[in-house]
Amino acid sequence: MNWPLEAFLSFLAAASFGVIFNTPRRTLFSCGLVGMTGWLIYRTGVIFLDDPVQATFAGAFGVALAAHLLAKKFKMPMIIFSVAGIIPLVPGSKAYNAMRNIVENNYLEAITFASEALMISGAVAMGLVFAEVLMQIVFKQMAKRVQKKIGMTQN
């Protein structure tokens, strides 16, 4: 596939899931952008890292960072943007292929697909958590600087 088409389709998927999850209308475009950002980071990671698990971690990390920034901008919960934005990274085809191979009694192939789906799902979770921790550290440091600045002006 080519990059512009993938970008458009990931935008469409994320925005569509935003509609399904009843996100506010004014945030649908931003939800699509978050999903597109995560997908493009993932695709870039697959090309340079040649590992879908690491690329998924990078994509999920990017989704969470973008979701945090947009949550601050719109003064809304981060989950509005992150849930819709993470959808393009979900390993649905791997899980489907694992279940299909189990039904067909092809257990070795099923284990391969299932383990890959599990690792990718873990990478999504880890990317979201690591970005959350990073943003909490950044926000704490910013709050300390503001408090310090306020304390200096009052003295």
C-alpha atoms as a PDB file:
ATOM      1  CA  MET A   1       0.000   0.000   0.000  1.00  0.00           C
ATOM      2  CA  ASN A   2       1.058   3.577  -0.351  1.00  0.00           C
ATOM      3  CA  TRP A   3       1.464   6.073   2.479  1.00  0.00           C
ATOM      4  CA  PRO A   4      -1.291   8.571   1.574  1.00  0.00           C
ATOM      5  CA  LEU A   5      -3.880   5.809   1.260  1.00  0.00           C
ATOM      6  CA  GLU A   6      -2.819   4.229   4.555  1.00  0.00           C
ATOM      7  CA  ALA A   7      -2.922   7.622   6.244  1.00  0.00           C
ATOM      8  CA  PHE A   8      -6.418   8.287   4.922  1.00  0.00           C
ATOM      9  CA  LEU A   9      -7.726   4.848   5.881  1.00  0.00           C
ATOM     10  CA  SER A  10      -6.287   4.991   9.389  1.00  0.00           C
ATOM     11  CA  PHE A  11      -7.773   8.487   9.809  1.00  0.00           C
ATOM     12  CA  LEU A  12     -11.132   7.176   8.630  1.00  0.00           C
ATOM     13  CA  ALA A  13     -10.992   4.127  10.930  1.00  0.00           C
ATOM     14  CA  ALA A  14     -10.131   6.184  14.012  1.00  0.00           C
ATOM     15  CA  ALA A  15     -12.731   8.863  13.277  1.00  0.00           C
ATOM     16  CA  SER A  16     -15.358   6.192  12.578  1.00  0.00           C
ATOM     17  CA  PHE A  17     -14.700   4.520  15.896  1.00  0.00           C
ATOM     18  CA  GLY A  18     -14.991   7.965  17.459  1.00  0.00           C
ATOM     19  CA  VAL A  19     -18.503   8.118  16.032  1.00  0.00           C
ATOM     20  CA  ILE A  20     -19.277   4.612  17.338  1.00  0.00           C
ATOM     21  CA  PHE A  21     -18.007   5.564  20.820  1.00  0.00           C
ATOM     22  CA  ASN A  22     -20.091   8.789  20.826  1.00  0.00           C
ATOM     23  CA  THR A  23     -17.207  11.203  21.122  1.00  0.00           C
ATOM     24  CA  PRO A  24     -18.180  14.861  20.845  1.00  0.00           C
ATOM     25  CA  ARG A  25     -18.472  16.025  17.243  1.00  0.00           C
ATOM     26  CA  ARG A  26     -15.884  18.745  17.630  1.00  0.00           C
ATOM     27  CA  THR A  27     -13.258  16.128  18.517  1.00  0.00           C
ATOM     28  CA  LEU A  28     -13.873  13.642  15.680  1.00  0.00           C
ATOM     29  CA  PHE A  29     -11.303  15.221  13.379  1.00  0.00           C
ATOM     30  CA  SER A  30      -8.735  15.179  16.179  1.00  0.00           C
ATOM     31  CA  CYS A  31      -9.519  11.530  16.944  1.00  0.00           C
ATOM     32  CA  GLY A  32      -8.855  10.728  13.306  1.00  0.00           C
ATOM     33  CA  LEU A  33      -5.568  12.620  13.417  1.00  0.00           C
ATOM     34  CA  VAL A  34      -4.474  10.711  16.510  1.00  0.00           C
ATOM     35  CA  GLY A  35      -5.209   7.379  14.813  1.00  0.00           C
ATOM     36  CA  MET A  36      -3.443   8.455  11.652  1.00  0.00           C
ATOM     37  CA  THR A  37      -0.417   9.616  13.636  1.00  0.00           C
ATOM     38  CA  GLY A  38      -0.182   6.305  15.474  1.00  0.00           C
ATOM     39  CA  TRP A  39      -0.484   4.321  12.254  1.00  0.00           C
ATOM     40  CA  LEU A  40       2.153   6.346  10.424  1.00  0.00           C
ATOM     41  CA  ILE A  41       4.544   5.980  13.362  1.00  0.00           C
ATOM     42  CA  TYR A  42       3.841   2.249  13.308  1.00  0.00           C
ATOM     43  CA  ARG A  43       4.494   1.961   9.551  1.00  0.00           C
ATOM     44  CA  THR A  44       7.710   3.952   9.863  1.00  0.00           C
ATOM     45  CA  GLY A  45       8.762   1.702  12.729  1.00  0.00           C
ATOM     46  CA  VAL A  46       8.081  -1.441  10.720  1.00  0.00           C
ATOM     47  CA  ILE A  47      10.299  -0.132   7.919  1.00  0.00           C
ATOM     48  CA  PHE A  48      13.203   0.958  10.125  1.00  0.00           C
ATOM     49  CA  LEU A  49      12.978  -1.503  13.035  1.00  0.00           C
ATOM     50  CA  ASP A  50      11.670  -4.496  11.052  1.00  0.00           C
ATOM     51  CA  ASP A  51       9.750  -5.604  14.152  1.00  0.00           C
ATOM     52  CA  PRO A  52       5.978  -5.137  14.412  1.00  0.00           C
ATOM     53  CA  VAL A  53       6.017  -5.349  18.219  1.00  0.00           C
ATOM     54  CA  GLN A  54       8.490  -2.481  18.656  1.00  0.00           C
ATOM     55  CA  ALA A  55       6.742  -0.500  15.927  1.00  0.00           C
ATOM     56  CA  THR A  56       3.403  -0.992  17.689  1.00  0.00           C
ATOM     57  CA  PHE A  57       4.924   0.215  20.947  1.00  0.00           C
ATOM     58  CA  ALA A  58       6.175   3.355  19.191  1.00  0.00           C
ATOM     59  CA  GLY A  59       2.793   3.915  17.542  1.00  0.00           C
ATOM     60  CA  ALA A  60       0.892   3.494  20.817  1.00  0.00           C
ATOM     61  CA  PHE A  61       3.344   5.816  22.545  1.00  0.00           C
ATOM     62  CA  GLY A  62       2.706   8.424  19.843  1.00  0.00           C
ATOM     63  CA  VAL A  63      -1.054   7.968  20.160  1.00  0.00           C
ATOM     64  CA  ALA A  64      -0.925   8.518  23.909  1.00  0.00           C
ATOM     65  CA  LEU A  65       1.270  11.620  23.610  1.00  0.00           C
ATOM     66  CA  ALA A  66      -1.014  13.127  20.967  1.00  0.00           C
ATOM     67  CA  ALA A  67      -4.069  12.219  23.059  1.00  0.00           C
ATOM     68  CA  HIS A  68      -2.579  13.979  26.098  1.00  0.00           C
ATOM     69  CA  LEU A  69      -1.857  17.126  24.143  1.00  0.00           C
ATOM     70  CA  LEU A  70      -5.313  17.199  22.597  1.00  0.00           C
ATOM     71  CA  ALA A  71      -6.942  16.492  25.956  1.00  0.00           C
ATOM     72  CA  LYS A  72      -5.233  19.588  27.346  1.00  0.00           C
ATOM     73  CA  LYS A  73      -6.242  21.631  24.311  1.00  0.00           C
ATOM     74  CA  PHE A  74      -9.914  20.582  24.353  1.00  0.00           C
ATOM     75  CA  LYS A  75     -10.075  20.310  28.177  1.00  0.00           C
ATOM     76  CA  MET A  76     -11.481  16.794  27.897  1.00  0.00           C
ATOM     77  CA  PRO A  77     -10.398  13.384  29.170  1.00  0.00           C
ATOM     78  CA  MET A  78      -7.488  11.807  27.329  1.00  0.00           C
ATOM     79  CA  ILE A  79      -9.391   8.576  26.798  1.00  0.00           C
ATOM     80  CA  ILE A  80     -11.648  10.259  24.231  1.00  0.00           C
ATOM     81  CA  PHE A  81      -8.693  10.575  21.887  1.00  0.00           C
ATOM     82  CA  SER A  82      -6.653   7.514  22.855  1.00  0.00           C
ATOM     83  CA  VAL A  83      -9.390   4.888  22.479  1.00  0.00           C
ATOM     84  CA  ALA A  84     -10.341   5.984  18.980  1.00  0.00           C
ATOM     85  CA  GLY A  85      -6.698   6.581  18.070  1.00  0.00           C
ATOM     86  CA  ILE A  86      -5.461   3.165  19.141  1.00  0.00           C
ATOM     87  CA  ILE A  87      -7.945   1.251  16.963  1.00  0.00           C
ATOM     88  CA  PRO A  88      -5.704   1.067  13.848  1.00  0.00           C
ATOM     89  CA  LEU A  89      -2.983  -0.624  15.936  1.00  0.00           C
ATOM     90  CA  VAL A  90      -5.176  -3.425  17.330  1.00  0.00           C
ATOM     91  CA  PRO A  91      -3.969  -6.821  16.022  1.00  0.00           C
ATOM     92  CA  GLY A  92      -7.385  -8.076  14.907  1.00  0.00           C
ATOM     93  CA  SER A  93      -6.208 -10.058  11.892  1.00  0.00           C
ATOM     94  CA  LYS A  94      -3.609 -11.929  13.966  1.00  0.00           C
ATOM     95  CA  ALA A  95      -6.225 -12.907  16.564  1.00  0.00           C
ATOM     96  CA  TYR A  96      -8.642 -13.958  13.809  1.00  0.00           C
ATOM     97  CA  ASN A  97      -5.996 -16.101  12.117  1.00  0.00           C
ATOM     98  CA  ALA A  98      -5.123 -17.710  15.447  1.00  0.00           C
ATOM     99  CA  MET A  99      -8.744 -18.674  16.064  1.00  0.00           C
ATOM    100  CA  ARG A 100      -9.212 -19.856  12.477  1.00  0.00           C
ATOM    101  CA  ASN A 101      -6.182 -22.119  12.772  1.00  0.00           C
ATOM    102  CA  ILE A 102      -7.452 -23.551  16.060  1.00  0.00           C
ATOM    103  CA  VAL A 103     -10.761 -24.430  14.395  1.00  0.00           C
ATOM    104  CA  GLU A 104      -8.851 -26.051  11.525  1.00  0.00           C
ATOM    105  CA  ASN A 105      -6.768 -28.088  14.035  1.00  0.00           C
ATOM    106  CA  ASN A 106      -3.575 -26.384  12.883  1.00  0.00           C
ATOM    107  CA  TYR A 107      -2.286 -25.717  16.387  1.00  0.00           C
ATOM    108  CA  LEU A 108       1.329 -24.818  15.628  1.00  0.00           C
ATOM    109  CA  GLU A 109       0.257 -22.089  13.225  1.00  0.00           C
ATOM    110  CA  ALA A 110      -2.351 -20.933  15.754  1.00  0.00           C
ATOM    111  CA  ILE A 111       0.293 -20.594  18.458  1.00  0.00           C
ATOM    112  CA  THR A 112       2.406 -18.444  16.152  1.00  0.00           C
ATOM    113  CA  PHE A 113      -0.449 -16.074  15.395  1.00  0.00           C
ATOM    114  CA  ALA A 114      -1.700 -16.013  18.986  1.00  0.00           C
ATOM    115  CA  SER A 115       1.705 -15.250  20.459  1.00  0.00           C
ATOM    116  CA  GLU A 116       2.233 -12.436  17.956  1.00  0.00           C
ATOM    117  CA  ALA A 117      -1.214 -10.999  18.728  1.00  0.00           C
ATOM    118  CA  LEU A 118      -0.469 -11.206  22.452  1.00  0.00           C
ATOM    119  CA  MET A 119       2.898  -9.466  22.091  1.00  0.00           C
ATOM    120  CA  ILE A 120       1.410  -6.716  19.929  1.00  0.00           C
ATOM    121  CA  SER A 121      -1.444  -6.219  22.408  1.00  0.00           C
ATOM    122  CA  GLY A 122       1.101  -5.967  25.218  1.00  0.00           C
ATOM    123  CA  ALA A 123       3.081  -3.426  23.190  1.00  0.00           C
ATOM    124  CA  VAL A 124      -0.068  -1.316  22.777  1.00  0.00           C
ATOM    125  CA  ALA A 125      -0.669  -1.391  26.537  1.00  0.00           C
ATOM    126  CA  MET A 126       2.975  -0.640  27.347  1.00  0.00           C
ATOM    127  CA  GLY A 127       3.095   2.258  24.888  1.00  0.00           C
ATOM    128  CA  LEU A 128       0.025   3.825  26.485  1.00  0.00           C
ATOM    129  CA  VAL A 129       1.342   3.324  30.015  1.00  0.00           C
ATOM    130  CA  PHE A 130       4.855   4.618  29.293  1.00  0.00           C
ATOM    131  CA  ALA A 131       3.469   7.745  27.658  1.00  0.00           C
ATOM    132  CA  GLU A 132       1.166   8.282  30.642  1.00  0.00           C
ATOM    133  CA  VAL A 133       4.093   8.034  33.040  1.00  0.00           C
ATOM    134  CA  LEU A 134       6.191  10.394  30.926  1.00  0.00           C
ATOM    135  CA  MET A 135       3.394  12.953  30.736  1.00  0.00           C
ATOM    136  CA  GLN A 136       2.814  12.782  34.505  1.00  0.00           C
ATOM    137  CA  ILE A 137       6.505  13.514  35.082  1.00  0.00           C
ATOM    138  CA  VAL A 138       6.415  16.411  32.604  1.00  0.00           C
ATOM    139  CA  PHE A 139       3.245  17.887  34.113  1.00  0.00           C
ATOM    140  CA  LYS A 140       4.693  17.590  37.632  1.00  0.00           C
ATOM    141  CA  GLN A 141       7.846  19.419  36.570  1.00  0.00           C
ATOM    142  CA  MET A 142       5.771  22.128  34.902  1.00  0.00           C
ATOM    143  CA  ALA A 143       3.670  22.532  38.048  1.00  0.00           C
ATOM    144  CA  LYS A 144       6.819  22.843  40.177  1.00  0.00           C
ATOM    145  CA  ARG A 145       8.160  25.554  37.874  1.00  0.00           C
ATOM    146  CA  VAL A 146       4.886  27.460  38.053  1.00  0.00           C
ATOM    147  CA  GLN A 147       4.823  27.163  41.847  1.00  0.00           C
ATOM    148  CA  LYS A 148       8.424  28.331  42.023  1.00  0.00           C
ATOM    149  CA  LYS A 149       7.674  31.277  39.758  1.00  0.00           C
ATOM    150  CA  ILE A 150       4.595  32.233  41.791  1.00  0.00           C
ATOM    151  CA  GLY A 151       6.614  31.975  45.000  1.00  0.00           C
ATOM    152  CA  MET A 152       9.292  34.294  43.597  1.00  0.00           C
ATOM    153  CA  THR A 153       6.803  36.949  42.537  1.00  0.00           C
ATOM    154  CA  GLN A 154       5.049  36.975  45.927  1.00  0.00           C
ATOM    155  CA  ASN A 155       8.281  37.590  47.872  1.00  0.00           C
END
